[in-house]
Amino acid sequence: MKQTAVEWLIDQMFKQGYFDGNKPLTYTNLDHLQQQAKEMEKEQIQNAYDTGEYDCGCNGDSEQYYNKTFKK
């Protein structure tokens, strides 16, 4: 089973020692992990959209859907 972006983020934070006090959680470190998790989440949303569009026989653009739904 694939990890969600949130599960991946928490797993990475544990693996990199942020929760046990071995490594300081700086803005730069957190920002880097956050950007990776956001990209993973975007891919998961687009894959789900594409699968749903394929299953219902519609033509849709997952990139447009993502930007319309999740971008401010």
N, C-alpha and C. Protein backbone atom coordinates (compact mmCIF):
# COMPACT_ATOMS: atom_id res chain seq x y z
N MET A 1 0.84 -1.18 0.00
CA MET A 1 0.00 0.00 0.00
C MET A 1 0.89 1.25 0.00
N LYS A 2 0.54 2.22 -0.83
CA LYS A 2 1.30 3.46 -0.91
C LYS A 2 1.07 4.33 0.32
N GLN A 3 2.06 5.13 0.62
CA GLN A 3 1.93 6.10 1.70
C GLN A 3 1.25 7.35 1.18
N THR A 4 0.48 7.96 2.06
CA THR A 4 -0.04 9.28 1.73
C THR A 4 1.09 10.29 1.93
N ALA A 5 0.90 11.49 1.44
CA ALA A 5 1.91 12.53 1.60
C ALA A 5 2.12 12.85 3.08
N VAL A 6 1.07 12.83 3.87
CA VAL A 6 1.18 13.12 5.30
C VAL A 6 1.96 12.00 6.00
N GLU A 7 1.65 10.76 5.66
CA GLU A 7 2.38 9.64 6.26
C GLU A 7 3.87 9.71 5.89
N TRP A 8 4.16 10.03 4.64
CA TRP A 8 5.54 10.16 4.19
C TRP A 8 6.26 11.26 4.98
N LEU A 9 5.60 12.41 5.14
CA LEU A 9 6.20 13.54 5.86
C LEU A 9 6.55 13.16 7.29
N ILE A 10 5.62 12.56 7.99
CA ILE A 10 5.86 12.17 9.38
C ILE A 10 6.97 11.12 9.45
N ASP A 11 6.93 10.15 8.55
CA ASP A 11 7.96 9.12 8.50
C ASP A 11 9.34 9.74 8.28
N GLN A 12 9.44 10.69 7.37
CA GLN A 12 10.72 11.36 7.10
C GLN A 12 11.20 12.15 8.31
N MET A 13 10.28 12.78 9.00
CA MET A 13 10.66 13.56 10.18
C MET A 13 11.20 12.66 11.28
N PHE A 14 10.61 11.46 11.44
CA PHE A 14 11.14 10.50 12.41
C PHE A 14 12.50 9.99 11.95
N LYS A 15 12.60 9.60 10.68
CA LYS A 15 13.85 9.04 10.16
C LYS A 15 15.00 10.03 10.24
N GLN A 16 14.71 11.29 10.05
CA GLN A 16 15.77 12.30 10.06
C GLN A 16 16.06 12.87 11.44
N GLY A 17 15.37 12.36 12.48
CA GLY A 17 15.71 12.71 13.85
C GLY A 17 15.09 13.99 14.39
N TYR A 18 14.05 14.50 13.74
CA TYR A 18 13.44 15.74 14.21
C TYR A 18 12.60 15.56 15.47
N PHE A 19 12.05 14.37 15.68
CA PHE A 19 11.16 14.16 16.82
C PHE A 19 11.87 13.65 18.07
N ASP A 20 13.10 13.22 17.92
CA ASP A 20 13.81 12.72 19.11
C ASP A 20 14.87 13.70 19.62
N GLY A 21 14.86 14.91 19.06
CA GLY A 21 15.76 15.95 19.54
C GLY A 21 17.17 15.87 19.01
N ASN A 22 17.44 14.94 18.09
CA ASN A 22 18.80 14.81 17.55
C ASN A 22 19.12 15.82 16.47
N LYS A 23 18.10 16.42 15.90
CA LYS A 23 18.32 17.35 14.80
C LYS A 23 17.36 18.52 14.96
N PRO A 24 17.87 19.75 14.89
CA PRO A 24 16.96 20.90 15.02
C PRO A 24 16.06 21.03 13.80
N LEU A 25 14.83 21.37 14.04
CA LEU A 25 13.87 21.55 12.97
C LEU A 25 13.88 23.01 12.56
N THR A 26 14.66 23.33 11.56
CA THR A 26 14.76 24.70 11.08
C THR A 26 13.70 24.95 10.02
N TYR A 27 13.47 26.21 9.73
CA TYR A 27 12.51 26.56 8.69
C TYR A 27 12.92 25.96 7.35
N THR A 28 14.22 26.00 7.05
CA THR A 28 14.72 25.47 5.78
C THR A 28 14.46 23.97 5.68
N ASN A 29 14.75 23.24 6.75
CA ASN A 29 14.51 21.79 6.75
C ASN A 29 13.03 21.49 6.58
N LEU A 30 12.20 22.18 7.33
CA LEU A 30 10.76 21.93 7.27
C LEU A 30 10.20 22.33 5.91
N ASP A 31 10.66 23.45 5.36
CA ASP A 31 10.19 23.90 4.07
C ASP A 31 10.52 22.89 2.98
N HIS A 32 11.72 22.34 3.03
CA HIS A 32 12.13 21.34 2.04
C HIS A 32 11.23 20.10 2.11
N LEU A 33 11.01 19.59 3.30
CA LEU A 33 10.14 18.43 3.47
C LEU A 33 8.71 18.74 3.06
N GLN A 34 8.24 19.93 3.40
CA GLN A 34 6.88 20.33 3.05
C GLN A 34 6.70 20.38 1.54
N GLN A 35 7.67 20.93 0.83
CA GLN A 35 7.56 21.01 -0.63
C GLN A 35 7.53 19.62 -1.26
N GLN A 36 8.33 18.71 -0.74
CA GLN A 36 8.32 17.35 -1.25
C GLN A 36 6.97 16.69 -1.00
N ALA A 37 6.43 16.89 0.19
CA ALA A 37 5.13 16.30 0.53
C ALA A 37 4.01 16.89 -0.32
N LYS A 38 4.07 18.20 -0.58
CA LYS A 38 3.05 18.84 -1.42
C LYS A 38 3.08 18.29 -2.84
N GLU A 39 4.27 18.08 -3.37
CA GLU A 39 4.40 17.53 -4.72
C GLU A 39 3.84 16.10 -4.77
N MET A 40 4.13 15.33 -3.72
CA MET A 40 3.61 13.97 -3.64
C MET A 40 2.08 13.99 -3.58
N GLU A 41 1.53 14.89 -2.77
CA GLU A 41 0.09 15.01 -2.63
C GLU A 41 -0.55 15.41 -3.97
N LYS A 42 0.08 16.33 -4.68
CA LYS A 42 -0.43 16.76 -5.97
C LYS A 42 -0.49 15.58 -6.94
N GLU A 43 0.57 14.79 -6.99
CA GLU A 43 0.60 13.62 -7.87
C GLU A 43 -0.50 12.62 -7.50
N GLN A 44 -0.71 12.42 -6.20
CA GLN A 44 -1.74 11.48 -5.75
C GLN A 44 -3.14 11.98 -6.14
N ILE A 45 -3.38 13.26 -6.00
CA ILE A 45 -4.68 13.84 -6.37
C ILE A 45 -4.89 13.73 -7.87
N GLN A 46 -3.87 14.05 -8.64
CA GLN A 46 -4.00 13.98 -10.09
C GLN A 46 -4.20 12.54 -10.56
N ASN A 47 -3.49 11.60 -9.96
CA ASN A 47 -3.68 10.19 -10.33
C ASN A 47 -5.10 9.72 -10.01
N ALA A 48 -5.62 10.12 -8.86
CA ALA A 48 -6.99 9.76 -8.49
C ALA A 48 -7.98 10.39 -9.46
N TYR A 49 -7.76 11.63 -9.83
CA TYR A 49 -8.64 12.32 -10.78
C TYR A 49 -8.61 11.62 -12.13
N ASP A 50 -7.41 11.32 -12.61
CA ASP A 50 -7.27 10.65 -13.90
C ASP A 50 -7.96 9.29 -13.89
N THR A 51 -7.82 8.55 -12.81
CA THR A 51 -8.47 7.24 -12.70
C THR A 51 -9.98 7.39 -12.71
N GLY A 52 -10.49 8.37 -11.98
CA GLY A 52 -11.93 8.61 -11.94
C GLY A 52 -12.46 9.06 -13.28
N GLU A 53 -11.75 9.92 -13.96
CA GLU A 53 -12.16 10.38 -15.29
C GLU A 53 -12.17 9.22 -16.28
N TYR A 54 -11.16 8.38 -16.19
CA TYR A 54 -11.08 7.23 -17.10
C TYR A 54 -12.25 6.28 -16.84
N ASP A 55 -12.53 6.03 -15.58
CA ASP A 55 -13.59 5.10 -15.21
C ASP A 55 -14.97 5.59 -15.63
N CYS A 56 -15.19 6.89 -15.65
CA CYS A 56 -16.51 7.41 -16.02
C CYS A 56 -16.59 7.81 -17.49
N GLY A 57 -15.48 7.68 -18.21
CA GLY A 57 -15.48 7.95 -19.64
C GLY A 57 -15.49 9.41 -20.02
N CYS A 58 -15.10 10.27 -19.11
CA CYS A 58 -15.06 11.71 -19.38
C CYS A 58 -13.65 12.12 -19.80
N ASN A 59 -13.58 13.23 -20.47
CA ASN A 59 -12.27 13.80 -20.77
C ASN A 59 -12.03 14.93 -19.80
N GLY A 60 -10.95 14.83 -19.06
CA GLY A 60 -10.62 15.88 -18.10
C GLY A 60 -9.13 16.05 -18.01
N ASP A 61 -8.74 17.16 -17.49
CA ASP A 61 -7.33 17.47 -17.32
C ASP A 61 -7.05 17.58 -15.83
N SER A 62 -6.27 16.64 -15.32
CA SER A 62 -6.01 16.60 -13.88
C SER A 62 -5.23 17.83 -13.41
N GLU A 63 -4.37 18.36 -14.26
CA GLU A 63 -3.62 19.57 -13.89
C GLU A 63 -4.56 20.75 -13.70
N GLN A 64 -5.52 20.91 -14.61
CA GLN A 64 -6.51 21.99 -14.48
C GLN A 64 -7.35 21.78 -13.23
N TYR A 65 -7.79 20.54 -13.01
CA TYR A 65 -8.60 20.24 -11.82
C TYR A 65 -7.83 20.59 -10.55
N TYR A 66 -6.56 20.17 -10.48
CA TYR A 66 -5.76 20.44 -9.28
C TYR A 66 -5.61 21.94 -9.05
N ASN A 67 -5.26 22.66 -10.10
CA ASN A 67 -5.06 24.11 -9.96
C ASN A 67 -6.35 24.83 -9.58
N LYS A 68 -7.45 24.43 -10.20
CA LYS A 68 -8.74 25.05 -9.89
C LYS A 68 -9.18 24.76 -8.45
N THR A 69 -8.93 23.56 -8.00
CA THR A 69 -9.42 23.12 -6.70
C THR A 69 -8.50 23.51 -5.55
N PHE A 70 -7.19 23.43 -5.75
CA PHE A 70 -6.26 23.56 -4.63
C PHE A 70 -5.34 24.77 -4.67
N LYS A 71 -5.27 25.48 -5.77
CA LYS A 71 -4.42 26.67 -5.83
C LYS A 71 -5.23 27.88 -5.48
N LYS A 72 -4.63 28.81 -4.78
CA LYS A 72 -5.33 30.01 -4.38
C LYS A 72 -5.21 31.07 -5.44
